[in-house]
Amino acid sequence: MGYAKLAFAMMKCFPQLYWNYHRKSTVGWSIINILLDLIGGIFSFVSAALSRSNGLNLSKILLGAFSVAIDLAFAFQHYCLYPKKNR
């Protein structure tokens, strides 16, 4: 089940990264949701690392790492590559 969730997360995020790159803009979506998802990904990753006594949950670790990586890519696009230009 965890691997299916990882696959759906990839299908959800990669098109948005592509369209941000294609349009050279992040106008139209909220960075707040990305930052909140980043915090959730960090907590998920830490939770998987702390619960090793129950066995290694590789899908949860991969999902947390993917979530953190993709959210950092969105933040990089929003703040560094395509910042709002003051007119």
N, C-alpha and C. Protein backbone atom coordinates (compact mmCIF):
# COMPACT_ATOMS: atom_id res chain seq x y z
N MET A 1 0.82 -1.19 0.00
CA MET A 1 0.00 0.00 0.00
C MET A 1 0.87 1.26 0.00
N GLY A 2 1.96 1.21 0.72
CA GLY A 2 2.84 2.37 0.80
C GLY A 2 3.49 2.69 -0.53
N TYR A 3 3.81 1.64 -1.30
CA TYR A 3 4.43 1.87 -2.61
C TYR A 3 3.44 2.47 -3.59
N ALA A 4 2.16 2.11 -3.47
CA ALA A 4 1.13 2.71 -4.31
C ALA A 4 0.99 4.20 -3.99
N LYS A 5 1.05 4.54 -2.71
CA LYS A 5 0.97 5.94 -2.31
C LYS A 5 2.16 6.72 -2.86
N LEU A 6 3.33 6.11 -2.87
CA LEU A 6 4.52 6.74 -3.43
C LEU A 6 4.35 6.96 -4.93
N ALA A 7 3.80 5.97 -5.63
CA ALA A 7 3.57 6.11 -7.07
C ALA A 7 2.57 7.23 -7.36
N PHE A 8 1.50 7.31 -6.59
CA PHE A 8 0.52 8.38 -6.80
C PHE A 8 1.10 9.74 -6.47
N ALA A 9 1.95 9.83 -5.48
CA ALA A 9 2.60 11.10 -5.15
C ALA A 9 3.49 11.56 -6.31
N MET A 10 4.19 10.61 -6.93
CA MET A 10 5.02 10.96 -8.08
C MET A 10 4.16 11.45 -9.24
N MET A 11 3.05 10.75 -9.50
CA MET A 11 2.17 11.15 -10.59
C MET A 11 1.53 12.52 -10.33
N LYS A 12 1.37 12.86 -9.07
CA LYS A 12 0.77 14.13 -8.71
C LYS A 12 1.76 15.28 -8.82
N CYS A 13 3.01 15.06 -8.47
CA CYS A 13 3.97 16.15 -8.35
C CYS A 13 4.77 16.45 -9.61
N PHE A 14 5.17 15.43 -10.35
CA PHE A 14 6.02 15.67 -11.51
C PHE A 14 5.37 16.54 -12.59
N PRO A 15 4.09 16.37 -12.88
CA PRO A 15 3.49 17.27 -13.88
C PRO A 15 3.53 18.74 -13.45
N GLN A 16 3.32 19.01 -12.16
CA GLN A 16 3.36 20.40 -11.69
C GLN A 16 4.76 20.97 -11.81
N LEU A 17 5.76 20.19 -11.46
CA LEU A 17 7.14 20.65 -11.64
C LEU A 17 7.42 20.98 -13.10
N TYR A 18 6.94 20.11 -14.01
CA TYR A 18 7.14 20.33 -15.44
C TYR A 18 6.45 21.60 -15.90
N TRP A 19 5.19 21.79 -15.51
CA TRP A 19 4.47 22.98 -15.98
C TRP A 19 5.04 24.26 -15.39
N ASN A 20 5.53 24.22 -14.17
CA ASN A 20 6.21 25.40 -13.62
C ASN A 20 7.43 25.73 -14.46
N TYR A 21 8.18 24.70 -14.84
CA TYR A 21 9.37 24.90 -15.68
C TYR A 21 8.96 25.40 -17.06
N HIS A 22 7.94 24.80 -17.64
CA HIS A 22 7.50 25.17 -18.98
C HIS A 22 7.02 26.62 -19.04
N ARG A 23 6.25 27.04 -18.01
CA ARG A 23 5.73 28.41 -17.97
C ARG A 23 6.72 29.41 -17.39
N LYS A 24 7.79 28.91 -16.76
CA LYS A 24 8.78 29.75 -16.08
C LYS A 24 8.10 30.63 -15.02
N SER A 25 7.15 30.03 -14.31
CA SER A 25 6.38 30.77 -13.32
C SER A 25 5.74 29.80 -12.34
N THR A 26 5.52 30.28 -11.12
CA THR A 26 4.76 29.51 -10.13
C THR A 26 3.50 30.26 -9.73
N VAL A 27 3.07 31.19 -10.55
CA VAL A 27 1.87 31.97 -10.27
C VAL A 27 0.66 31.05 -10.36
N GLY A 28 -0.23 31.15 -9.40
CA GLY A 28 -1.47 30.39 -9.44
C GLY A 28 -1.58 29.28 -8.43
N TRP A 29 -0.54 29.03 -7.66
CA TRP A 29 -0.64 28.02 -6.61
C TRP A 29 0.04 28.55 -5.35
N SER A 30 -0.38 28.01 -4.23
CA SER A 30 0.05 28.53 -2.94
C SER A 30 1.29 27.80 -2.43
N ILE A 31 2.31 28.57 -2.10
CA ILE A 31 3.54 27.99 -1.53
C ILE A 31 3.30 27.51 -0.10
N ILE A 32 2.28 28.05 0.57
CA ILE A 32 1.99 27.64 1.95
C ILE A 32 1.69 26.15 2.02
N ASN A 33 0.91 25.63 1.05
CA ASN A 33 0.61 24.19 1.04
C ASN A 33 1.87 23.37 0.88
N ILE A 34 2.81 23.85 0.07
CA ILE A 34 4.06 23.13 -0.14
C ILE A 34 4.88 23.13 1.14
N LEU A 35 4.94 24.27 1.82
CA LEU A 35 5.71 24.35 3.05
C LEU A 35 5.11 23.46 4.15
N LEU A 36 3.79 23.41 4.23
CA LEU A 36 3.13 22.53 5.20
C LEU A 36 3.39 21.06 4.85
N ASP A 37 3.37 20.73 3.56
CA ASP A 37 3.67 19.37 3.15
C ASP A 37 5.13 19.02 3.45
N LEU A 38 6.01 20.00 3.34
CA LEU A 38 7.42 19.79 3.68
C LEU A 38 7.57 19.43 5.16
N ILE A 39 6.87 20.15 6.00
CA ILE A 39 6.91 19.85 7.44
C ILE A 39 6.36 18.45 7.71
N GLY A 40 5.26 18.09 7.04
CA GLY A 40 4.69 16.76 7.20
C GLY A 40 5.64 15.68 6.72
N GLY A 41 6.34 15.93 5.62
CA GLY A 41 7.31 14.96 5.11
C GLY A 41 8.47 14.75 6.07
N ILE A 42 8.92 15.84 6.68
CA ILE A 42 10.01 15.74 7.66
C ILE A 42 9.56 14.91 8.85
N PHE A 43 8.35 15.17 9.36
CA PHE A 43 7.84 14.40 10.50
C PHE A 43 7.62 12.94 10.13
N SER A 44 7.16 12.67 8.91
CA SER A 44 6.97 11.29 8.47
C SER A 44 8.30 10.55 8.40
N PHE A 45 9.31 11.22 7.88
CA PHE A 45 10.64 10.62 7.79
C PHE A 45 11.20 10.34 9.18
N VAL A 46 11.06 11.29 10.09
CA VAL A 46 11.55 11.12 11.47
C VAL A 46 10.76 10.00 12.16
N SER A 47 9.46 9.95 11.95
CA SER A 47 8.63 8.91 12.54
C SER A 47 9.07 7.52 12.08
N ALA A 48 9.37 7.40 10.79
CA ALA A 48 9.82 6.10 10.27
C ALA A 48 11.17 5.72 10.87
N ALA A 49 12.03 6.70 11.05
CA ALA A 49 13.34 6.42 11.63
C ALA A 49 13.24 6.04 13.11
N LEU A 50 12.32 6.68 13.83
CA LEU A 50 12.18 6.40 15.26
C LEU A 50 11.46 5.07 15.53
N SER A 51 10.66 4.61 14.59
CA SER A 51 9.91 3.38 14.83
C SER A 51 10.63 2.15 14.26
N ARG A 52 11.92 2.19 14.22
CA ARG A 52 12.69 1.05 13.70
C ARG A 52 12.55 -0.18 14.58
N SER A 53 12.17 0.00 15.85
CA SER A 53 12.01 -1.15 16.73
C SER A 53 10.89 -2.08 16.25
N ASN A 54 9.93 -1.53 15.50
CA ASN A 54 8.84 -2.33 14.94
C ASN A 54 9.21 -2.92 13.58
N GLY A 55 10.41 -2.67 13.13
CA GLY A 55 10.83 -3.13 11.81
C GLY A 55 10.98 -1.96 10.87
N LEU A 56 11.81 -2.12 9.90
CA LEU A 56 12.08 -1.05 8.95
C LEU A 56 10.92 -0.94 7.95
N ASN A 57 10.29 0.21 7.93
CA ASN A 57 9.19 0.47 7.00
C ASN A 57 9.76 1.27 5.83
N LEU A 58 10.26 0.57 4.83
CA LEU A 58 10.95 1.20 3.72
C LEU A 58 10.03 2.12 2.92
N SER A 59 8.77 1.74 2.74
CA SER A 59 7.87 2.59 1.96
C SER A 59 7.63 3.93 2.66
N LYS A 60 7.54 3.92 3.98
CA LYS A 60 7.33 5.17 4.72
C LYS A 60 8.58 6.04 4.65
N ILE A 61 9.75 5.44 4.71
CA ILE A 61 10.99 6.21 4.59
C ILE A 61 11.11 6.81 3.21
N LEU A 62 10.82 6.01 2.17
CA LEU A 62 10.89 6.52 0.80
C LEU A 62 9.88 7.63 0.55
N LEU A 63 8.67 7.47 1.07
CA LEU A 63 7.65 8.49 0.89
C LEU A 63 8.04 9.78 1.59
N GLY A 64 8.59 9.69 2.79
CA GLY A 64 9.04 10.89 3.50
C GLY A 64 10.18 11.57 2.77
N ALA A 65 11.14 10.79 2.29
CA ALA A 65 12.28 11.36 1.57
C ALA A 65 11.82 11.98 0.25
N PHE A 66 10.91 11.31 -0.47
CA PHE A 66 10.40 11.86 -1.72
C PHE A 66 9.64 13.15 -1.47
N SER A 67 8.81 13.15 -0.44
CA SER A 67 8.02 14.34 -0.11
C SER A 67 8.93 15.53 0.20
N VAL A 68 9.95 15.30 0.99
CA VAL A 68 10.89 16.38 1.32
C VAL A 68 11.61 16.87 0.07
N ALA A 69 12.08 15.94 -0.76
CA ALA A 69 12.81 16.32 -1.97
C ALA A 69 11.95 17.10 -2.95
N ILE A 70 10.72 16.66 -3.17
CA ILE A 70 9.86 17.33 -4.14
C ILE A 70 9.42 18.69 -3.62
N ASP A 71 9.17 18.79 -2.31
CA ASP A 71 8.79 20.08 -1.74
C ASP A 71 9.95 21.07 -1.79
N LEU A 72 11.16 20.59 -1.59
CA LEU A 72 12.32 21.48 -1.73
C LEU A 72 12.48 21.93 -3.18
N ALA A 73 12.17 21.05 -4.14
CA ALA A 73 12.23 21.44 -5.55
C ALA A 73 11.18 22.51 -5.86
N PHE A 74 9.96 22.36 -5.32
CA PHE A 74 8.92 23.38 -5.51
C PHE A 74 9.34 24.70 -4.88
N ALA A 75 9.89 24.66 -3.67
CA ALA A 75 10.32 25.89 -3.00
C ALA A 75 11.46 26.54 -3.78
N PHE A 76 12.37 25.75 -4.32
CA PHE A 76 13.47 26.29 -5.13
C PHE A 76 12.91 26.98 -6.37
N GLN A 77 11.93 26.35 -7.02
CA GLN A 77 11.31 26.99 -8.17
C GLN A 77 10.65 28.31 -7.78
N HIS A 78 9.92 28.29 -6.67
CA HIS A 78 9.15 29.46 -6.27
C HIS A 78 10.03 30.63 -5.81
N TYR A 79 11.03 30.33 -5.00
CA TYR A 79 11.83 31.40 -4.41
C TYR A 79 13.09 31.76 -5.20
N CYS A 80 13.67 30.81 -5.92
CA CYS A 80 14.95 31.07 -6.60
C CYS A 80 14.83 31.19 -8.11
N LEU A 81 14.17 30.25 -8.74
CA LEU A 81 14.12 30.26 -10.21
C LEU A 81 13.13 31.27 -10.76
N TYR A 82 11.93 31.30 -10.19
CA TYR A 82 10.87 32.16 -10.74
C TYR A 82 10.26 33.05 -9.66
N PRO A 83 11.06 33.92 -9.03
CA PRO A 83 10.49 34.78 -7.99
C PRO A 83 9.58 35.83 -8.61
N LYS A 84 8.65 36.35 -7.80
CA LYS A 84 7.78 37.43 -8.26
C LYS A 84 8.62 38.65 -8.54
N LYS A 85 8.35 39.27 -9.65
CA LYS A 85 9.07 40.49 -9.99
C LYS A 85 8.23 41.69 -9.61
N ASN A 86 8.83 42.59 -8.86
CA ASN A 86 8.11 43.83 -8.49
C ASN A 86 8.10 44.75 -9.70
N ARG A 87 6.94 45.24 -10.03
CA ARG A 87 6.83 46.13 -11.18
C ARG A 87 6.61 47.54 -10.73
